[in-house]
């Protein structure tokens, strides 16, 4: 009888422990199911966010590439970190082929390269916008282009400028028109002078 009582008590204890363990397992399973649902929701949200971000990047890439001006960003080493199709075409390469490279990799005119580098460093160092009314750039075909350029530092949240953003508008046609007009005016002056004589 004593043994039977001991067995009954142990059986009751085991059943009690089993019930507690089953309740704990059920509770933990419910927590894991809830956590799994939350993770699935977060993963779905993240995928939607990444898809939206990719769509925005594609849109911005098209906007940048449609701009006929030279749109670029450079780091402190003078390497291109962003370029549009216009500047890639001028340097005779692709957008991907220009990224990570410098002006010196595509422009044989050392004076122009030094001019660009000096201005770039000045913008980054002083964190001031620089407006350049006229500067010269030799493209991949050796053609000299006149640019009107604005450069501004890209300042990070910590207040440091490690890159610059630039936009150069090709004003070659305007410069050629000005030269033609100047030549026409000089020709008129010569003609008037001859007429007076």
N, C-alpha and C. Protein backbone atom coordinates (compact mmCIF):
# COMPACT_ATOMS: atom_id res chain seq x y z
N UNK A 1 0.85 -1.18 0.00
CA UNK A 1 0.00 0.00 0.00
C UNK A 1 0.89 1.24 0.00
N UNK A 2 1.96 1.19 0.79
CA UNK A 2 2.89 2.33 0.83
C UNK A 2 3.55 2.56 -0.53
N UNK A 3 3.94 1.42 -1.14
CA UNK A 3 4.54 1.54 -2.46
C UNK A 3 3.54 2.09 -3.46
N UNK A 4 2.32 1.60 -3.40
CA UNK A 4 1.30 2.05 -4.31
C UNK A 4 1.02 3.53 -4.10
N UNK A 5 1.03 3.97 -2.87
CA UNK A 5 0.84 5.39 -2.57
C UNK A 5 1.99 6.22 -3.14
N UNK A 6 3.22 5.71 -3.02
CA UNK A 6 4.39 6.41 -3.56
C UNK A 6 4.30 6.50 -5.08
N UNK A 7 3.89 5.36 -5.69
CA UNK A 7 3.77 5.35 -7.14
C UNK A 7 2.68 6.33 -7.57
N UNK A 8 1.59 6.35 -6.84
CA UNK A 8 0.49 7.26 -7.17
C UNK A 8 0.94 8.71 -7.03
N UNK A 9 1.70 8.99 -5.99
CA UNK A 9 2.18 10.37 -5.78
C UNK A 9 3.14 10.77 -6.91
N UNK A 10 4.05 9.85 -7.28
CA UNK A 10 5.00 10.15 -8.36
C UNK A 10 4.26 10.30 -9.70
N UNK A 11 3.26 9.45 -9.90
CA UNK A 11 2.48 9.54 -11.12
C UNK A 11 1.76 10.88 -11.17
N UNK A 12 1.22 11.30 -10.04
CA UNK A 12 0.53 12.60 -9.97
C UNK A 12 1.52 13.73 -10.25
N UNK A 13 2.73 13.62 -9.67
CA UNK A 13 3.76 14.63 -9.91
C UNK A 13 4.13 14.68 -11.39
N UNK A 14 4.32 13.49 -11.99
CA UNK A 14 4.70 13.43 -13.40
C UNK A 14 3.59 14.02 -14.26
N UNK A 15 2.34 13.69 -13.94
CA UNK A 15 1.22 14.25 -14.71
C UNK A 15 1.16 15.76 -14.55
N UNK A 16 1.41 16.21 -13.32
CA UNK A 16 1.41 17.66 -13.07
C UNK A 16 2.54 18.33 -13.86
N UNK A 17 3.74 17.70 -13.83
CA UNK A 17 4.86 18.25 -14.60
C UNK A 17 4.56 18.22 -16.10
N UNK A 18 3.95 17.13 -16.58
CA UNK A 18 3.59 17.04 -18.00
C UNK A 18 2.61 18.14 -18.39
N UNK A 19 1.62 18.38 -17.53
CA UNK A 19 0.65 19.43 -17.82
C UNK A 19 1.33 20.80 -17.87
N UNK A 20 2.23 21.02 -16.90
CA UNK A 20 2.97 22.29 -16.89
C UNK A 20 3.86 22.42 -18.11
N UNK A 21 4.52 21.30 -18.47
CA UNK A 21 5.40 21.31 -19.64
C UNK A 21 4.59 21.53 -20.90
N UNK A 22 3.45 20.86 -21.02
CA UNK A 22 2.60 21.04 -22.20
C UNK A 22 2.09 22.48 -22.30
N UNK A 23 1.73 23.06 -21.15
CA UNK A 23 1.27 24.45 -21.15
C UNK A 23 2.42 25.38 -21.57
N UNK A 24 3.63 25.09 -21.05
CA UNK A 24 4.79 25.91 -21.39
C UNK A 24 5.11 25.78 -22.89
N UNK A 25 5.06 24.54 -23.42
CA UNK A 25 5.32 24.31 -24.84
C UNK A 25 4.28 25.01 -25.69
N UNK A 26 2.99 24.90 -25.29
CA UNK A 26 1.92 25.56 -26.04
C UNK A 26 2.11 27.07 -26.03
N UNK A 27 2.46 27.62 -24.86
CA UNK A 27 2.69 29.06 -24.72
C UNK A 27 3.88 29.49 -25.59
N UNK A 28 4.96 28.72 -25.51
CA UNK A 28 6.16 29.06 -26.30
C UNK A 28 5.89 28.93 -27.80
N UNK A 29 5.13 27.91 -28.18
CA UNK A 29 4.76 27.72 -29.59
C UNK A 29 3.95 28.90 -30.09
N UNK A 30 3.01 29.36 -29.27
CA UNK A 30 2.19 30.52 -29.66
C UNK A 30 3.07 31.75 -29.83
N UNK A 31 4.05 31.94 -28.93
CA UNK A 31 4.98 33.06 -29.04
C UNK A 31 5.80 32.98 -30.33
N UNK A 32 6.29 31.77 -30.65
CA UNK A 32 7.09 31.58 -31.85
C UNK A 32 6.26 31.80 -33.12
N UNK A 33 5.01 31.35 -33.11
CA UNK A 33 4.13 31.56 -34.26
C UNK A 33 3.91 33.06 -34.46
N UNK A 34 3.67 33.78 -33.35
CA UNK A 34 3.46 35.23 -33.44
C UNK A 34 4.73 35.92 -33.94
N UNK A 35 5.90 35.50 -33.43
CA UNK A 35 7.16 36.09 -33.87
C UNK A 35 7.41 35.79 -35.34
N UNK A 36 7.07 34.57 -35.78
CA UNK A 36 7.24 34.19 -37.17
C UNK A 36 6.35 35.04 -38.07
N UNK A 37 5.10 35.27 -37.66
CA UNK A 37 4.20 36.12 -38.44
C UNK A 37 4.76 37.53 -38.53
N UNK A 38 5.29 38.03 -37.43
CA UNK A 38 5.87 39.38 -37.42
C UNK A 38 7.07 39.46 -38.36
N UNK A 39 7.91 38.42 -38.34
CA UNK A 39 9.06 38.39 -39.25
C UNK A 39 8.60 38.34 -40.71
N UNK A 40 7.60 37.54 -40.99
CA UNK A 40 7.07 37.46 -42.36
C UNK A 40 6.53 38.81 -42.80
N UNK A 41 5.84 39.51 -41.91
CA UNK A 41 5.31 40.84 -42.22
C UNK A 41 6.46 41.81 -42.49
N UNK A 42 7.50 41.78 -41.65
CA UNK A 42 8.64 42.67 -41.83
C UNK A 42 9.39 42.36 -43.13
N UNK A 43 9.54 41.07 -43.46
CA UNK A 43 10.21 40.69 -44.70
C UNK A 43 9.40 41.19 -45.90
N UNK A 44 8.07 41.04 -45.84
CA UNK A 44 7.22 41.52 -46.92
C UNK A 44 7.33 43.03 -47.07
N UNK A 45 7.29 43.74 -45.95
CA UNK A 45 7.43 45.20 -45.99
C UNK A 45 8.79 45.59 -46.57
N UNK A 46 9.84 44.88 -46.15
CA UNK A 46 11.18 45.19 -46.63
C UNK A 46 11.28 44.96 -48.14
N UNK A 47 10.71 43.87 -48.62
CA UNK A 47 10.73 43.59 -50.07
C UNK A 47 9.98 44.68 -50.83
N UNK A 48 8.84 45.12 -50.30
CA UNK A 48 8.10 46.21 -50.95
C UNK A 48 8.92 47.49 -50.96
N UNK A 49 9.57 47.78 -49.82
CA UNK A 49 10.40 48.98 -49.72
C UNK A 49 11.57 48.91 -50.70
N UNK A 50 12.22 47.74 -50.80
CA UNK A 50 13.35 47.59 -51.72
C UNK A 50 12.89 47.73 -53.17
N UNK A 51 11.71 47.19 -53.49
CA UNK A 51 11.18 47.32 -54.85
C UNK A 51 10.89 48.79 -55.16
N UNK A 52 10.31 49.50 -54.19
CA UNK A 52 10.02 50.93 -54.38
C UNK A 52 11.31 51.72 -54.53
N UNK A 53 12.31 51.37 -53.73
CA UNK A 53 13.61 52.05 -53.81
C UNK A 53 14.26 51.80 -55.17
N UNK A 54 14.20 50.57 -55.66
CA UNK A 54 14.76 50.25 -56.98
C UNK A 54 14.03 51.03 -58.07
N UNK A 55 12.72 51.16 -57.93
CA UNK A 55 11.93 51.91 -58.91
C UNK A 55 12.33 53.39 -58.90
N UNK A 56 12.54 53.94 -57.70
CA UNK A 56 12.96 55.34 -57.59
C UNK A 56 14.35 55.55 -58.17
N UNK A 57 15.26 54.59 -57.93
CA UNK A 57 16.61 54.69 -58.50
C UNK A 57 16.55 54.68 -60.02
N UNK A 58 15.73 53.80 -60.57
CA UNK A 58 15.59 53.72 -62.02
C UNK A 58 15.05 55.04 -62.57
N UNK A 59 14.06 55.59 -61.89
CA UNK A 59 13.48 56.87 -62.31
C UNK A 59 14.53 57.97 -62.26
N UNK A 60 15.25 58.08 -61.15
CA UNK A 60 16.28 59.12 -61.01
C UNK A 60 17.40 58.93 -62.04
N UNK A 61 17.77 57.69 -62.31
CA UNK A 61 18.79 57.41 -63.31
C UNK A 61 18.34 57.94 -64.67
N UNK A 62 17.06 57.73 -65.02
CA UNK A 62 16.54 58.23 -66.28
C UNK A 62 16.54 59.75 -66.32
N UNK A 63 16.17 60.38 -65.21
CA UNK A 63 16.15 61.84 -65.15
C UNK A 63 17.57 62.38 -65.34
N UNK A 64 18.53 61.78 -64.65
CA UNK A 64 19.92 62.24 -64.76
C UNK A 64 20.45 62.03 -66.17
N UNK A 65 20.15 60.86 -66.75
CA UNK A 65 20.69 60.55 -68.07
C UNK A 65 20.04 61.37 -69.19
N UNK A 66 18.80 61.83 -68.98
CA UNK A 66 18.13 62.64 -70.00
C UNK A 66 18.64 64.08 -70.02
N UNK A 67 19.30 64.49 -68.96
CA UNK A 67 19.81 65.85 -68.86
C UNK A 67 21.02 65.99 -69.80
N UNK A 68 21.00 66.93 -70.74
CA UNK A 68 22.13 67.09 -71.65
C UNK A 68 23.36 67.71 -70.99
N UNK A 69 23.19 68.32 -69.82
CA UNK A 69 24.33 68.86 -69.09
C UNK A 69 25.13 67.71 -68.47
N UNK A 70 26.38 68.00 -68.12
CA UNK A 70 27.23 67.00 -67.48
C UNK A 70 26.91 66.99 -65.99
N UNK A 71 26.34 65.91 -65.51
CA UNK A 71 26.02 65.76 -64.09
C UNK A 71 27.01 64.75 -63.52
N UNK A 72 27.71 65.15 -62.45
CA UNK A 72 28.73 64.25 -61.89
C UNK A 72 28.91 64.51 -60.41
N UNK A 73 29.44 63.50 -59.73
CA UNK A 73 29.89 63.63 -58.34
C UNK A 73 31.27 62.98 -58.28
N UNK A 74 32.14 63.58 -57.47
CA UNK A 74 33.50 63.06 -57.31
C UNK A 74 33.85 63.00 -55.84
N UNK A 75 34.75 62.05 -55.49
CA UNK A 75 35.22 61.97 -54.11
C UNK A 75 36.49 62.79 -53.94
N UNK A 76 37.09 62.72 -52.77
CA UNK A 76 38.28 63.53 -52.49
C UNK A 76 39.49 63.11 -53.32
N UNK A 77 39.46 61.91 -53.89
CA UNK A 77 40.55 61.44 -54.74
C UNK A 77 40.32 61.82 -56.20
N UNK A 78 39.21 62.49 -56.49
CA UNK A 78 38.91 62.90 -57.85
C UNK A 78 38.22 61.82 -58.67
N UNK A 79 37.84 60.71 -58.01
CA UNK A 79 37.17 59.62 -58.73
C UNK A 79 35.68 59.93 -58.87
N UNK A 80 35.14 59.61 -60.03
CA UNK A 80 33.71 59.80 -60.27
C UNK A 80 32.92 58.79 -59.46
N UNK A 81 31.94 59.28 -58.69
CA UNK A 81 31.05 58.40 -57.93
C UNK A 81 29.64 58.41 -58.52
N UNK A 82 29.38 59.39 -59.38
CA UNK A 82 28.10 59.49 -60.08
C UNK A 82 28.36 60.25 -61.38
N UNK A 83 27.83 59.73 -62.47
CA UNK A 83 27.92 60.44 -63.75
C UNK A 83 26.65 60.17 -64.53
N UNK A 84 26.35 61.07 -65.45
CA UNK A 84 25.21 60.81 -66.34
C UNK A 84 25.73 60.43 -67.72
N UNK A 85 24.81 60.09 -68.59
CA UNK A 85 25.18 59.61 -69.92
C UNK A 85 25.90 60.68 -70.74
N UNK A 86 25.55 61.95 -70.53
CA UNK A 86 26.17 63.03 -71.32
C UNK A 86 27.68 63.09 -71.10
N UNK A 87 28.12 63.01 -69.85
CA UNK A 87 29.57 63.08 -69.59
C UNK A 87 30.25 61.78 -70.02
N UNK A 88 29.55 60.66 -69.88
CA UNK A 88 30.12 59.38 -70.35
C UNK A 88 30.31 59.43 -71.86
N UNK A 89 29.34 59.97 -72.58
CA UNK A 89 29.47 60.10 -74.05
C UNK A 89 30.62 61.02 -74.42
N UNK A 90 30.76 62.12 -73.70
CA UNK A 90 31.84 63.07 -74.00
C UNK A 90 33.22 62.43 -73.79
N UNK A 91 33.32 61.57 -72.79
CA UNK A 91 34.59 60.89 -72.53
C UNK A 91 34.72 59.57 -73.30
N UNK A 92 33.73 59.27 -74.14
CA UNK A 92 33.82 58.09 -74.99
C UNK A 92 33.75 56.77 -74.26
N UNK A 93 32.94 56.72 -73.21
CA UNK A 93 32.81 55.49 -72.44
C UNK A 93 31.37 55.34 -71.97
N UNK A 94 31.12 54.35 -71.14
CA UNK A 94 29.79 54.16 -70.57
C UNK A 94 29.76 54.75 -69.17
N UNK A 95 28.57 54.85 -68.61
CA UNK A 95 28.43 55.34 -67.24
C UNK A 95 29.22 54.44 -66.30
N UNK A 96 29.07 53.12 -66.47
CA UNK A 96 29.78 52.17 -65.61
C UNK A 96 31.29 52.25 -65.81
N UNK A 97 31.72 52.54 -67.05
CA UNK A 97 33.13 52.64 -67.35
C UNK A 97 33.79 53.88 -66.76
N UNK A 98 33.00 54.87 -66.42
CA UNK A 98 33.52 56.11 -65.88
C UNK A 98 33.58 56.10 -64.35
N UNK A 99 32.68 55.34 -63.73
CA UNK A 99 32.63 55.30 -62.27
C UNK A 99 33.93 54.73 -61.69
N UNK A 100 34.45 55.40 -60.68
CA UNK A 100 35.69 54.98 -60.05
C UNK A 100 36.94 55.49 -60.74
N UNK A 101 36.78 56.14 -61.89
CA UNK A 101 37.91 56.68 -62.64
C UNK A 101 37.98 58.19 -62.42
N UNK A 102 39.07 58.81 -62.91
CA UNK A 102 39.25 60.25 -62.78
C UNK A 102 39.28 60.89 -64.16
N UNK A 103 39.27 62.22 -64.18
CA UNK A 103 39.37 62.94 -65.45
C UNK A 103 40.65 62.55 -66.19
N UNK A 104 41.73 62.33 -65.44
CA UNK A 104 43.02 62.00 -66.05
C UNK A 104 42.97 60.70 -66.85
N UNK A 105 42.05 59.80 -66.50
CA UNK A 105 41.93 58.54 -67.23
C UNK A 105 41.35 58.73 -68.62
N UNK A 106 40.69 59.88 -68.87
CA UNK A 106 40.01 60.09 -70.15
C UNK A 106 40.42 61.37 -70.87
N UNK A 107 41.05 62.29 -70.17
CA UNK A 107 41.41 63.57 -70.75
C UNK A 107 42.93 63.68 -70.78
N UNK A 108 43.49 63.80 -71.99
CA UNK A 108 44.95 63.86 -72.16
C UNK A 108 45.52 65.24 -71.85
N UNK A 109 44.66 66.25 -71.76
CA UNK A 109 45.13 67.61 -71.50
C UNK A 109 45.39 67.78 -70.00
N UNK A 110 46.66 67.73 -69.62
CA UNK A 110 47.05 67.77 -68.21
C UNK A 110 46.64 69.08 -67.53
N UNK A 111 46.70 70.19 -68.25
CA UNK A 111 46.31 71.48 -67.66
C UNK A 111 44.83 71.48 -67.27
N UNK A 112 43.99 70.95 -68.14
CA UNK A 112 42.56 70.87 -67.83
C UNK A 112 42.32 69.98 -66.62
N UNK A 113 42.99 68.83 -66.59
CA UNK A 113 42.83 67.89 -65.48
C UNK A 113 43.24 68.55 -64.17
N UNK A 114 44.37 69.25 -64.17
CA UNK A 114 44.83 69.94 -62.96
C UNK A 114 43.85 71.04 -62.55
N UNK A 115 43.31 71.77 -63.53
CA UNK A 115 42.32 72.81 -63.26
C UNK A 115 41.10 72.21 -62.57
N UNK A 116 40.56 71.12 -63.12
CA UNK A 116 39.39 70.46 -62.52
C UNK A 116 39.71 69.99 -61.09
N UNK A 117 40.87 69.38 -60.93
CA UNK A 117 41.26 68.82 -59.62
C UNK A 117 41.41 69.93 -58.58
N UNK A 118 42.04 71.01 -58.96
CA UNK A 118 42.25 72.13 -58.04
C UNK A 118 40.91 72.71 -57.58
N UNK A 119 39.99 72.91 -58.53
CA UNK A 119 38.67 73.43 -58.19
C UNK A 119 37.88 72.45 -57.31
N UNK A 120 37.97 71.16 -57.66
CA UNK A 120 37.26 70.14 -56.87
C UNK A 120 37.72 70.15 -55.42
N UNK A 121 39.03 70.15 -55.22
CA UNK A 121 39.57 70.14 -53.86
C UNK A 121 39.19 71.41 -53.10
N UNK A 122 39.17 72.54 -53.81
CA UNK A 122 38.79 73.80 -53.18
C UNK A 122 37.34 73.74 -52.69
N UNK A 123 36.45 73.19 -53.51
CA UNK A 123 35.03 73.08 -53.13
C UNK A 123 34.88 72.17 -51.92
N UNK A 124 35.56 71.02 -51.93
CA UNK A 124 35.45 70.07 -50.82
C UNK A 124 36.07 70.64 -49.55
N UNK A 125 37.25 71.21 -49.66
CA UNK A 125 37.96 71.73 -48.49
C UNK A 125 37.22 72.89 -47.83
N UNK A 126 36.79 73.86 -48.64
CA UNK A 126 36.15 75.05 -48.10
C UNK A 126 34.64 74.91 -47.90
N UNK A 127 34.09 73.83 -48.42
CA UNK A 127 32.65 73.58 -48.33
C UNK A 127 31.84 74.79 -48.81
N UNK A 128 32.27 75.30 -49.95
CA UNK A 128 31.60 76.45 -50.57
C UNK A 128 31.23 76.10 -52.01
N UNK A 129 30.12 76.66 -52.45
CA UNK A 129 29.69 76.49 -53.83
C UNK A 129 30.62 77.29 -54.74
N UNK A 130 30.99 76.69 -55.87
CA UNK A 130 31.85 77.39 -56.83
C UNK A 130 31.12 77.48 -58.17
N UNK A 131 31.01 78.69 -58.67
CA UNK A 131 30.41 78.92 -59.99
C UNK A 131 31.54 79.27 -60.95
N UNK A 132 31.66 78.51 -62.02
CA UNK A 132 32.71 78.73 -63.01
C UNK A 132 32.01 79.14 -64.31
N UNK A 133 32.07 80.44 -64.68
CA UNK A 133 31.33 80.91 -65.85
C UNK A 133 31.80 80.27 -67.16
N UNK A 134 33.09 80.00 -67.27
CA UNK A 134 33.62 79.39 -68.49
C UNK A 134 34.84 78.56 -68.14
N UNK A 135 34.82 77.30 -68.59
CA UNK A 135 36.00 76.46 -68.50
C UNK A 135 36.03 75.55 -69.72
N UNK A 136 37.21 75.05 -70.02
CA UNK A 136 37.41 74.26 -71.23
C UNK A 136 37.60 72.80 -70.86
N UNK A 137 37.01 71.93 -71.69
CA UNK A 137 37.17 70.49 -71.51
C UNK A 137 37.40 69.87 -72.89
N UNK A 138 38.41 69.02 -72.99
CA UNK A 138 38.66 68.30 -74.24
C UNK A 138 38.00 66.93 -74.13
N UNK A 139 37.13 66.61 -75.09
CA UNK A 139 36.42 65.33 -75.03
C UNK A 139 37.25 64.22 -75.66
N UNK A 140 36.67 63.03 -75.73
CA UNK A 140 37.40 61.85 -76.22
C UNK A 140 37.84 61.98 -77.68
N UNK A 141 37.10 62.75 -78.47
CA UNK A 141 37.45 62.91 -79.88
C UNK A 141 38.46 64.04 -80.09
N UNK A 142 38.88 64.70 -79.01
CA UNK A 142 39.83 65.80 -79.12
C UNK A 142 39.16 67.15 -79.33
N UNK A 143 37.85 67.16 -79.36
CA UNK A 143 37.10 68.40 -79.55
C UNK A 143 37.09 69.20 -78.25
N UNK A 144 37.34 70.50 -78.35
CA UNK A 144 37.33 71.37 -77.19
C UNK A 144 35.90 71.86 -76.95
N UNK A 145 35.44 71.66 -75.74
CA UNK A 145 34.10 72.11 -75.35
C UNK A 145 34.22 73.17 -74.27
N UNK A 146 33.35 74.15 -74.37
CA UNK A 146 33.27 75.18 -73.34
C UNK A 146 32.13 74.82 -72.39
N UNK A 147 32.40 74.89 -71.10
CA UNK A 147 31.40 74.55 -70.10
C UNK A 147 31.18 75.70 -69.14
N UNK A 148 29.95 75.82 -68.67
CA UNK A 148 29.61 76.70 -67.57
C UNK A 148 29.24 75.75 -66.43
N UNK A 149 30.01 75.79 -65.36
CA UNK A 149 29.92 74.74 -64.34
C UNK A 149 29.63 75.32 -62.97
N UNK A 150 28.85 74.55 -62.22
CA UNK A 150 28.63 74.86 -60.80
C UNK A 150 28.97 73.60 -60.02
N UNK A 151 29.74 73.79 -58.95
CA UNK A 151 30.15 72.67 -58.10
C UNK A 151 29.78 73.02 -56.66
N UNK A 152 29.26 72.02 -55.96
CA UNK A 152 28.90 72.24 -54.56
C UNK A 152 29.31 71.02 -53.74
N UNK A 153 29.71 71.23 -52.48
CA UNK A 153 30.11 70.10 -51.65
C UNK A 153 28.90 69.27 -51.23
N UNK A 154 29.11 67.98 -51.08
CA UNK A 154 28.10 67.10 -50.50
C UNK A 154 28.53 66.87 -49.06
N UNK A 155 27.79 67.46 -48.14
CA UNK A 155 28.16 67.43 -46.73
C UNK A 155 27.41 66.29 -46.04
N UNK A 156 28.15 65.44 -45.35
CA UNK A 156 27.55 64.30 -44.64
C UNK A 156 26.95 64.78 -43.31
N UNK A 157 26.15 63.94 -42.66
CA UNK A 157 25.53 64.35 -41.39
C UNK A 157 26.54 64.77 -40.32
N UNK A 158 27.77 64.25 -40.39
CA UNK A 158 28.78 64.63 -39.39
C UNK A 158 29.47 65.96 -39.72
N UNK A 159 29.02 66.63 -40.79
CA UNK A 159 29.57 67.94 -41.13
C UNK A 159 30.77 67.90 -42.05
N UNK A 160 31.22 66.72 -42.45
CA UNK A 160 32.37 66.59 -43.33
C UNK A 160 31.93 66.55 -44.79
N UNK A 161 32.75 67.09 -45.66
CA UNK A 161 32.50 67.01 -47.10
C UNK A 161 33.54 66.07 -47.69
N UNK A 162 33.07 64.94 -48.20
CA UNK A 162 33.97 63.97 -48.81
C UNK A 162 33.72 63.82 -50.31
N UNK A 163 32.71 64.54 -50.81
CA UNK A 163 32.38 64.50 -52.22
C UNK A 163 31.88 65.86 -52.66
N UNK A 164 31.80 66.02 -53.98
CA UNK A 164 31.18 67.22 -54.52
C UNK A 164 30.23 66.80 -55.63
N UNK A 165 29.26 67.64 -55.87
CA UNK A 165 28.31 67.45 -56.96
C UNK A 165 28.52 68.58 -57.95
N UNK A 166 28.57 68.24 -59.22
CA UNK A 166 28.79 69.27 -60.24
C UNK A 166 27.84 69.11 -61.41
N UNK A 167 27.52 70.25 -62.02
CA UNK A 167 26.72 70.26 -63.25
C UNK A 167 27.41 71.23 -64.20
N UNK A 168 27.79 70.69 -65.34
CA UNK A 168 28.45 71.51 -66.36
C UNK A 168 27.58 71.59 -67.60
N UNK A 169 27.22 72.81 -67.96
CA UNK A 169 26.40 73.04 -69.15
C UNK A 169 27.30 73.36 -70.33
N UNK A 170 27.12 72.64 -71.42
CA UNK A 170 27.93 72.85 -72.62
C UNK A 170 27.49 74.16 -73.29
N UNK A 171 28.39 75.15 -73.30
CA UNK A 171 28.09 76.45 -73.91
C UNK A 171 28.93 76.67 -75.16
N UNK A 172 29.40 75.58 -75.76
CA UNK A 172 30.25 75.68 -76.95
C UNK A 172 29.55 76.41 -78.08
N UNK A 173 28.28 76.08 -78.32
CA UNK A 173 27.54 76.73 -79.42
C UNK A 173 27.44 78.23 -79.18
N UNK A 174 27.20 78.62 -77.93
CA UNK A 174 27.13 80.04 -77.60
C UNK A 174 28.48 80.72 -77.83
N UNK A 175 29.57 80.05 -77.41
CA UNK A 175 30.90 80.63 -77.60
C UNK A 175 31.22 80.78 -79.09
N UNK A 176 30.82 79.80 -79.89
CA UNK A 176 31.04 79.88 -81.33
C UNK A 176 30.22 81.01 -81.94
N UNK A 177 28.98 81.18 -81.47
CA UNK A 177 28.13 82.27 -81.97
C UNK A 177 28.73 83.61 -81.58
N UNK A 178 29.24 83.73 -80.35
CA UNK A 178 29.88 84.97 -79.91
C UNK A 178 31.10 85.28 -80.77
N UNK A 179 31.88 84.24 -81.07
CA UNK A 179 33.07 84.43 -81.90
C UNK A 179 32.68 84.87 -83.31
N UNK A 180 31.65 84.24 -83.86
CA UNK A 180 31.17 84.61 -85.21
C UNK A 180 30.65 86.04 -85.21
N UNK A 181 29.93 86.41 -84.16
CA UNK A 181 29.41 87.77 -84.05
C UNK A 181 30.56 88.77 -83.95
N UNK A 182 31.56 88.44 -83.16
CA UNK A 182 32.72 89.32 -83.00
C UNK A 182 33.44 89.50 -84.34
N UNK A 183 33.59 88.39 -85.06
CA UNK A 183 34.24 88.47 -86.38
C UNK A 183 33.40 89.32 -87.34
N UNK A 184 32.08 89.16 -87.28
CA UNK A 184 31.19 89.94 -88.15
C UNK A 184 31.30 91.42 -87.81
N UNK A 185 31.34 91.76 -86.52
CA UNK A 185 31.48 93.15 -86.10
C UNK A 185 32.80 93.74 -86.57
N UNK A 186 33.86 92.95 -86.46
CA UNK A 186 35.16 93.43 -86.91
C UNK A 186 35.16 93.63 -88.43
N UNK A 187 34.50 92.73 -89.15
CA UNK A 187 34.39 92.87 -90.60
C UNK A 187 33.62 94.12 -90.97
N UNK A 188 32.54 94.41 -90.21
CA UNK A 188 31.75 95.63 -90.45
C UNK A 188 32.60 96.87 -90.18
N UNK A 189 33.38 96.82 -89.09
CA UNK A 189 34.25 97.95 -88.77
C UNK A 189 35.26 98.19 -89.90
N UNK A 190 35.83 97.10 -90.39
CA UNK A 190 36.80 97.22 -91.49
C UNK A 190 36.13 97.80 -92.72
N UNK A 191 34.92 97.30 -93.03
CA UNK A 191 34.19 97.80 -94.19
C UNK A 191 33.84 99.28 -94.05
N UNK A 192 33.41 99.69 -92.83
CA UNK A 192 33.09 101.08 -92.59
C UNK A 192 34.32 101.95 -92.74
N UNK A 193 35.43 101.45 -92.20
CA UNK A 193 36.67 102.20 -92.29
C UNK A 193 37.07 102.38 -93.77
N UNK A 194 36.97 101.28 -94.53
CA UNK A 194 37.29 101.37 -95.96
C UNK A 194 36.37 102.33 -96.68
N UNK A 195 35.09 102.31 -96.30
CA UNK A 195 34.13 103.20 -96.92
C UNK A 195 34.47 104.67 -96.60
N UNK A 196 34.83 104.93 -95.35
CA UNK A 196 35.21 106.27 -94.94
C UNK A 196 36.45 106.73 -95.72
N UNK A 197 37.40 105.81 -95.88
CA UNK A 197 38.61 106.16 -96.61
C UNK A 197 38.26 106.47 -98.05
